[in-house]
Amino acid sequence: MSESNESVLAKIYEILNSTKQISDNLIYSVNWNKLDVYVDLRQRGRVVEDGIDDRTLIIKDKGSGKYKAMIMIIDENEKINFKQILDKLYQSKSMDMELYISIVDKYGDITYYSLSEIKMIK
């Protein structure tokens, strides 16, 4: 996954849990919704890695280190095409991962939704 952005998220997370100050470069280089979801998942005890693009994170299994789930991050006011969600679903399925959508509201509250594919038979 994207190593440089992950280190930015990890650096900010470590700074938030200490008394250090955040540099301007770090502040301006981060997607705040992504950081909000990253911090929330870390506080829930998840092992989190940066995703394939700027709107995804990956959850890894603690024991095996295997990729477990993909999190698609969406702002509550963002207009999103259903095709984008389907593309992420197929992408996560091809990587043998579950897909969750996280909706971040203007207060930073996060709601998670699990997505899966079903096939309808006539």
N, C-alpha and C. Protein backbone atom coordinates (compact mmCIF):
# COMPACT_ATOMS: atom_id res chain seq x y z
N MET A 1 0.84 -1.17 0.00
CA MET A 1 0.00 0.00 0.00
C MET A 1 0.89 1.24 0.00
N SER A 2 0.32 2.41 0.07
CA SER A 2 1.08 3.66 -0.01
C SER A 2 1.86 3.92 1.28
N GLU A 3 3.16 3.69 1.23
CA GLU A 3 4.01 3.76 2.42
C GLU A 3 4.16 5.17 2.96
N SER A 4 4.33 6.17 2.07
CA SER A 4 4.58 7.53 2.54
C SER A 4 3.38 8.11 3.27
N ASN A 5 2.18 7.90 2.75
CA ASN A 5 0.99 8.42 3.40
C ASN A 5 0.72 7.69 4.71
N GLU A 6 1.01 6.40 4.74
CA GLU A 6 0.82 5.64 5.98
C GLU A 6 1.70 6.19 7.07
N SER A 7 2.93 6.51 6.72
CA SER A 7 3.83 7.04 7.74
C SER A 7 3.34 8.40 8.23
N VAL A 8 2.71 9.19 7.38
CA VAL A 8 2.14 10.47 7.81
C VAL A 8 1.01 10.21 8.81
N LEU A 9 0.11 9.28 8.49
CA LEU A 9 -0.98 8.95 9.41
C LEU A 9 -0.43 8.41 10.72
N ALA A 10 0.55 7.51 10.64
CA ALA A 10 1.14 6.93 11.84
C ALA A 10 1.85 8.00 12.67
N LYS A 11 2.57 8.91 12.01
CA LYS A 11 3.27 9.98 12.73
C LYS A 11 2.27 10.86 13.48
N ILE A 12 1.21 11.26 12.81
CA ILE A 12 0.22 12.12 13.46
C ILE A 12 -0.45 11.38 14.61
N TYR A 13 -0.75 10.10 14.41
CA TYR A 13 -1.36 9.31 15.48
C TYR A 13 -0.45 9.26 16.71
N GLU A 14 0.83 9.04 16.48
CA GLU A 14 1.79 9.01 17.60
C GLU A 14 1.88 10.37 18.28
N ILE A 15 1.87 11.45 17.50
CA ILE A 15 1.94 12.80 18.07
C ILE A 15 0.69 13.09 18.89
N LEU A 16 -0.47 12.66 18.41
CA LEU A 16 -1.71 12.88 19.15
C LEU A 16 -1.70 12.18 20.49
N ASN A 17 -0.97 11.08 20.59
CA ASN A 17 -0.88 10.32 21.84
C ASN A 17 0.31 10.74 22.69
N SER A 18 0.92 11.87 22.39
CA SER A 18 2.06 12.36 23.16
C SER A 18 1.90 13.87 23.38
N THR A 19 2.95 14.50 23.87
CA THR A 19 2.90 15.94 24.11
C THR A 19 3.64 16.72 23.02
N LYS A 20 4.06 16.04 21.96
CA LYS A 20 4.77 16.70 20.87
C LYS A 20 3.83 17.60 20.08
N GLN A 21 4.40 18.55 19.36
CA GLN A 21 3.61 19.43 18.50
C GLN A 21 3.68 18.92 17.06
N ILE A 22 2.60 19.17 16.34
CA ILE A 22 2.51 18.75 14.94
C ILE A 22 3.08 19.85 14.05
N SER A 23 3.94 19.48 13.12
CA SER A 23 4.52 20.46 12.19
C SER A 23 3.49 20.87 11.14
N ASP A 24 3.69 22.05 10.58
CA ASP A 24 2.78 22.55 9.54
C ASP A 24 2.74 21.61 8.33
N ASN A 25 3.89 21.05 7.97
CA ASN A 25 3.94 20.14 6.82
C ASN A 25 3.01 18.95 7.02
N LEU A 26 3.00 18.38 8.22
CA LEU A 26 2.12 17.24 8.50
C LEU A 26 0.66 17.67 8.46
N ILE A 27 0.37 18.83 9.02
CA ILE A 27 -1.02 19.30 9.08
C ILE A 27 -1.60 19.47 7.69
N TYR A 28 -0.82 20.04 6.77
CA TYR A 28 -1.34 20.31 5.43
C TYR A 28 -1.27 19.10 4.49
N SER A 29 -0.59 18.05 4.89
CA SER A 29 -0.43 16.91 3.99
C SER A 29 -1.42 15.78 4.23
N VAL A 30 -2.32 15.94 5.17
CA VAL A 30 -3.18 14.82 5.55
C VAL A 30 -4.64 15.06 5.14
N ASN A 31 -5.31 13.98 4.79
CA ASN A 31 -6.75 13.98 4.56
C ASN A 31 -7.39 13.80 5.94
N TRP A 32 -8.09 14.81 6.43
CA TRP A 32 -8.58 14.79 7.81
C TRP A 32 -9.64 13.73 8.06
N ASN A 33 -10.50 13.46 7.09
CA ASN A 33 -11.47 12.38 7.26
C ASN A 33 -10.76 11.04 7.38
N LYS A 34 -9.72 10.87 6.58
CA LYS A 34 -8.95 9.62 6.62
C LYS A 34 -8.25 9.48 7.97
N LEU A 35 -7.69 10.58 8.47
CA LEU A 35 -7.04 10.55 9.78
C LEU A 35 -8.05 10.24 10.88
N ASP A 36 -9.24 10.81 10.79
CA ASP A 36 -10.29 10.56 11.78
C ASP A 36 -10.65 9.08 11.83
N VAL A 37 -10.83 8.46 10.67
CA VAL A 37 -11.15 7.03 10.61
C VAL A 37 -9.96 6.20 11.09
N TYR A 38 -8.75 6.58 10.69
CA TYR A 38 -7.53 5.88 11.12
C TYR A 38 -7.43 5.86 12.65
N VAL A 39 -7.60 7.03 13.27
CA VAL A 39 -7.51 7.13 14.73
C VAL A 39 -8.61 6.31 15.39
N ASP A 40 -9.84 6.39 14.87
CA ASP A 40 -10.95 5.63 15.43
C ASP A 40 -10.67 4.13 15.40
N LEU A 41 -10.18 3.63 14.27
CA LEU A 41 -9.89 2.20 14.16
C LEU A 41 -8.74 1.79 15.06
N ARG A 42 -7.70 2.60 15.15
CA ARG A 42 -6.57 2.30 16.05
C ARG A 42 -7.03 2.26 17.50
N GLN A 43 -7.91 3.20 17.89
CA GLN A 43 -8.43 3.22 19.25
C GLN A 43 -9.32 2.02 19.55
N ARG A 44 -9.87 1.41 18.52
CA ARG A 44 -10.66 0.19 18.68
C ARG A 44 -9.79 -1.06 18.66
N GLY A 45 -8.48 -0.86 18.58
CA GLY A 45 -7.55 -1.99 18.64
C GLY A 45 -7.24 -2.63 17.30
N ARG A 46 -7.60 -2.00 16.21
CA ARG A 46 -7.35 -2.56 14.88
C ARG A 46 -5.94 -2.21 14.40
N VAL A 47 -5.38 -3.09 13.58
CA VAL A 47 -4.11 -2.82 12.90
C VAL A 47 -4.49 -2.21 11.56
N VAL A 48 -4.09 -0.96 11.33
CA VAL A 48 -4.55 -0.21 10.16
C VAL A 48 -3.36 0.20 9.31
N GLU A 49 -3.55 0.09 8.00
CA GLU A 49 -2.55 0.49 7.01
C GLU A 49 -3.21 1.42 6.01
N ASP A 50 -2.42 2.23 5.36
CA ASP A 50 -2.95 3.10 4.33
C ASP A 50 -3.44 2.25 3.16
N GLY A 51 -4.47 2.71 2.49
CA GLY A 51 -5.06 1.95 1.40
C GLY A 51 -4.43 2.22 0.05
N ILE A 52 -5.13 1.80 -0.98
CA ILE A 52 -4.64 1.89 -2.34
C ILE A 52 -4.69 3.32 -2.86
N ASP A 53 -5.65 4.10 -2.37
CA ASP A 53 -5.79 5.48 -2.80
C ASP A 53 -6.08 6.37 -1.59
N ASP A 54 -6.43 7.62 -1.87
CA ASP A 54 -6.61 8.59 -0.79
C ASP A 54 -7.90 8.40 -0.01
N ARG A 55 -8.78 7.54 -0.47
CA ARG A 55 -10.04 7.36 0.24
C ARG A 55 -10.20 5.96 0.84
N THR A 56 -9.11 5.20 0.95
CA THR A 56 -9.21 3.86 1.53
C THR A 56 -8.16 3.61 2.61
N LEU A 57 -8.53 2.74 3.54
CA LEU A 57 -7.62 2.20 4.55
C LEU A 57 -7.77 0.69 4.52
N ILE A 58 -6.76 -0.01 5.00
CA ILE A 58 -6.79 -1.47 5.05
C ILE A 58 -6.66 -1.91 6.51
N ILE A 59 -7.50 -2.85 6.92
CA ILE A 59 -7.39 -3.45 8.25
C ILE A 59 -6.69 -4.79 8.09
N LYS A 60 -5.67 -5.01 8.92
CA LYS A 60 -4.93 -6.27 8.89
C LYS A 60 -5.28 -7.10 10.12
N ASP A 61 -5.21 -8.41 9.97
CA ASP A 61 -5.42 -9.32 11.09
C ASP A 61 -4.23 -9.20 12.05
N LYS A 62 -4.52 -9.11 13.35
CA LYS A 62 -3.44 -8.94 14.33
C LYS A 62 -2.47 -10.11 14.33
N GLY A 63 -3.01 -11.32 14.29
CA GLY A 63 -2.16 -12.50 14.39
C GLY A 63 -1.36 -12.80 13.14
N SER A 64 -2.06 -12.94 12.03
CA SER A 64 -1.40 -13.39 10.80
C SER A 64 -0.82 -12.24 9.98
N GLY A 65 -1.31 -11.03 10.18
CA GLY A 65 -0.85 -9.89 9.37
C GLY A 65 -1.48 -9.86 8.00
N LYS A 66 -2.43 -10.77 7.76
CA LYS A 66 -3.11 -10.85 6.46
C LYS A 66 -4.14 -9.72 6.35
N TYR A 67 -4.29 -9.19 5.13
CA TYR A 67 -5.28 -8.15 4.90
C TYR A 67 -6.67 -8.72 5.15
N LYS A 68 -7.46 -7.99 5.93
CA LYS A 68 -8.76 -8.49 6.35
C LYS A 68 -9.93 -7.71 5.73
N ALA A 69 -9.81 -6.37 5.72
CA ALA A 69 -10.92 -5.55 5.24
C ALA A 69 -10.41 -4.25 4.63
N MET A 70 -11.20 -3.74 3.69
CA MET A 70 -10.92 -2.44 3.09
C MET A 70 -11.99 -1.47 3.59
N ILE A 71 -11.56 -0.28 3.98
CA ILE A 71 -12.47 0.76 4.44
C ILE A 71 -12.49 1.87 3.40
N MET A 72 -13.67 2.16 2.86
CA MET A 72 -13.83 3.27 1.92
C MET A 72 -14.35 4.47 2.70
N ILE A 73 -13.64 5.58 2.66
CA ILE A 73 -13.96 6.75 3.46
C ILE A 73 -14.71 7.77 2.61
N ILE A 74 -15.88 8.18 3.11
CA ILE A 74 -16.73 9.12 2.38
C ILE A 74 -17.18 10.23 3.33
N ASP A 75 -17.09 11.47 2.89
CA ASP A 75 -17.61 12.60 3.64
C ASP A 75 -19.13 12.62 3.49
N GLU A 76 -19.84 13.01 4.54
CA GLU A 76 -21.31 12.97 4.50
C GLU A 76 -21.90 13.86 3.41
N ASN A 77 -21.21 14.90 2.99
CA ASN A 77 -21.73 15.81 1.96
C ASN A 77 -21.21 15.49 0.57
N GLU A 78 -20.40 14.47 0.46
CA GLU A 78 -19.79 14.11 -0.82
C GLU A 78 -20.80 13.37 -1.69
N LYS A 79 -20.88 13.81 -2.93
CA LYS A 79 -21.71 13.08 -3.89
C LYS A 79 -20.86 11.96 -4.45
N ILE A 80 -21.39 10.76 -4.41
CA ILE A 80 -20.62 9.62 -4.88
C ILE A 80 -21.49 8.79 -5.81
N ASN A 81 -20.88 8.34 -6.86
CA ASN A 81 -21.55 7.52 -7.86
C ASN A 81 -21.60 6.08 -7.35
N PHE A 82 -22.71 5.41 -7.57
CA PHE A 82 -22.85 4.02 -7.12
C PHE A 82 -21.80 3.12 -7.78
N LYS A 83 -21.40 3.47 -8.98
CA LYS A 83 -20.37 2.70 -9.68
C LYS A 83 -19.05 2.72 -8.91
N GLN A 84 -18.73 3.85 -8.27
CA GLN A 84 -17.51 3.92 -7.46
C GLN A 84 -17.56 2.92 -6.30
N ILE A 85 -18.72 2.80 -5.69
CA ILE A 85 -18.88 1.85 -4.58
C ILE A 85 -18.75 0.43 -5.10
N LEU A 86 -19.39 0.15 -6.24
CA LEU A 86 -19.29 -1.20 -6.83
C LEU A 86 -17.85 -1.53 -7.21
N ASP A 87 -17.14 -0.55 -7.77
CA ASP A 87 -15.73 -0.77 -8.12
C ASP A 87 -14.91 -1.15 -6.89
N LYS A 88 -15.13 -0.44 -5.77
CA LYS A 88 -14.41 -0.76 -4.53
C LYS A 88 -14.81 -2.14 -4.02
N LEU A 89 -16.09 -2.49 -4.17
CA LEU A 89 -16.55 -3.81 -3.74
C LEU A 89 -15.85 -4.90 -4.53
N TYR A 90 -15.78 -4.76 -5.85
CA TYR A 90 -15.10 -5.75 -6.68
C TYR A 90 -13.60 -5.78 -6.40
N GLN A 91 -13.03 -4.61 -6.18
CA GLN A 91 -11.60 -4.53 -5.87
C GLN A 91 -11.29 -5.25 -4.56
N SER A 92 -12.09 -5.01 -3.53
CA SER A 92 -11.86 -5.67 -2.24
C SER A 92 -12.11 -7.17 -2.35
N LYS A 93 -13.12 -7.54 -3.12
CA LYS A 93 -13.42 -8.96 -3.30
C LYS A 93 -12.27 -9.67 -4.03
N SER A 94 -11.67 -9.01 -5.01
CA SER A 94 -10.55 -9.62 -5.75
C SER A 94 -9.32 -9.78 -4.87
N MET A 95 -9.23 -8.99 -3.80
CA MET A 95 -8.11 -9.08 -2.86
C MET A 95 -8.48 -9.92 -1.64
N ASP A 96 -9.65 -10.58 -1.69
CA ASP A 96 -10.13 -11.45 -0.62
C ASP A 96 -10.30 -10.68 0.70
N MET A 97 -10.92 -9.49 0.60
CA MET A 97 -11.18 -8.67 1.77
C MET A 97 -12.65 -8.27 1.82
N GLU A 98 -13.13 -7.99 3.03
CA GLU A 98 -14.46 -7.44 3.21
C GLU A 98 -14.39 -5.94 2.89
N LEU A 99 -15.54 -5.34 2.57
CA LEU A 99 -15.58 -3.90 2.32
C LEU A 99 -16.51 -3.23 3.32
N TYR A 100 -16.01 -2.16 3.92
CA TYR A 100 -16.80 -1.32 4.81
C TYR A 100 -16.75 0.10 4.27
N ILE A 101 -17.88 0.78 4.37
CA ILE A 101 -17.92 2.19 4.03
C ILE A 101 -17.99 2.96 5.34
N SER A 102 -17.16 3.97 5.47
CA SER A 102 -17.22 4.84 6.65
C SER A 102 -17.69 6.21 6.19
N ILE A 103 -18.78 6.66 6.79
CA ILE A 103 -19.32 7.99 6.51
C ILE A 103 -18.89 8.90 7.66
N VAL A 104 -18.17 9.98 7.33
CA VAL A 104 -17.69 10.92 8.34
C VAL A 104 -18.53 12.18 8.26
N ASP A 105 -19.18 12.55 9.39
CA ASP A 105 -20.00 13.76 9.38
C ASP A 105 -19.18 14.99 9.75
N LYS A 106 -19.83 16.15 9.76
CA LYS A 106 -19.11 17.41 9.98
C LYS A 106 -18.53 17.54 11.38
N TYR A 107 -18.98 16.71 12.31
CA TYR A 107 -18.44 16.72 13.67
C TYR A 107 -17.33 15.69 13.86
N GLY A 108 -17.03 14.93 12.81
CA GLY A 108 -16.01 13.90 12.89
C GLY A 108 -16.54 12.57 13.38
N ASP A 109 -17.86 12.47 13.56
CA ASP A 109 -18.45 11.19 13.95
C ASP A 109 -18.47 10.26 12.75
N ILE A 110 -18.22 8.99 13.00
CA ILE A 110 -18.08 8.02 11.92
C ILE A 110 -19.13 6.93 12.06
N THR A 111 -19.77 6.60 10.94
CA THR A 111 -20.70 5.48 10.88
C THR A 111 -20.15 4.49 9.86
N TYR A 112 -20.09 3.21 10.26
CA TYR A 112 -19.55 2.17 9.38
C TYR A 112 -20.68 1.31 8.84
N TYR A 113 -20.59 0.97 7.56
CA TYR A 113 -21.54 0.08 6.91
C TYR A 113 -20.76 -1.04 6.24
N SER A 114 -21.24 -2.26 6.39
CA SER A 114 -20.62 -3.41 5.74
C SER A 114 -21.32 -3.64 4.41
N LEU A 115 -20.53 -3.89 3.37
CA LEU A 115 -21.10 -4.17 2.06
C LEU A 115 -20.72 -5.57 1.61
N SER A 116 -21.64 -6.20 0.91
CA SER A 116 -21.35 -7.50 0.33
C SER A 116 -22.17 -7.65 -0.94
N GLU A 117 -21.79 -8.60 -1.72
CA GLU A 117 -22.46 -8.85 -2.99
C GLU A 117 -23.41 -10.03 -2.83
N ILE A 118 -24.62 -9.88 -3.36
CA ILE A 118 -25.54 -11.00 -3.39
C ILE A 118 -25.95 -11.23 -4.84
N LYS A 119 -26.24 -12.46 -5.15
CA LYS A 119 -26.68 -12.79 -6.51
C LYS A 119 -28.13 -13.25 -6.44
N MET A 120 -28.95 -12.61 -7.25
CA MET A 120 -30.37 -12.93 -7.29
C MET A 120 -30.60 -14.00 -8.36
N ILE A 121 -31.36 -15.00 -8.00
CA ILE A 121 -31.69 -16.07 -8.94
C ILE A 121 -33.16 -15.95 -9.30
N LYS A 122 -33.45 -16.09 -10.60
CA LYS A 122 -34.85 -16.00 -11.06
C LYS A 122 -35.65 -17.18 -10.61
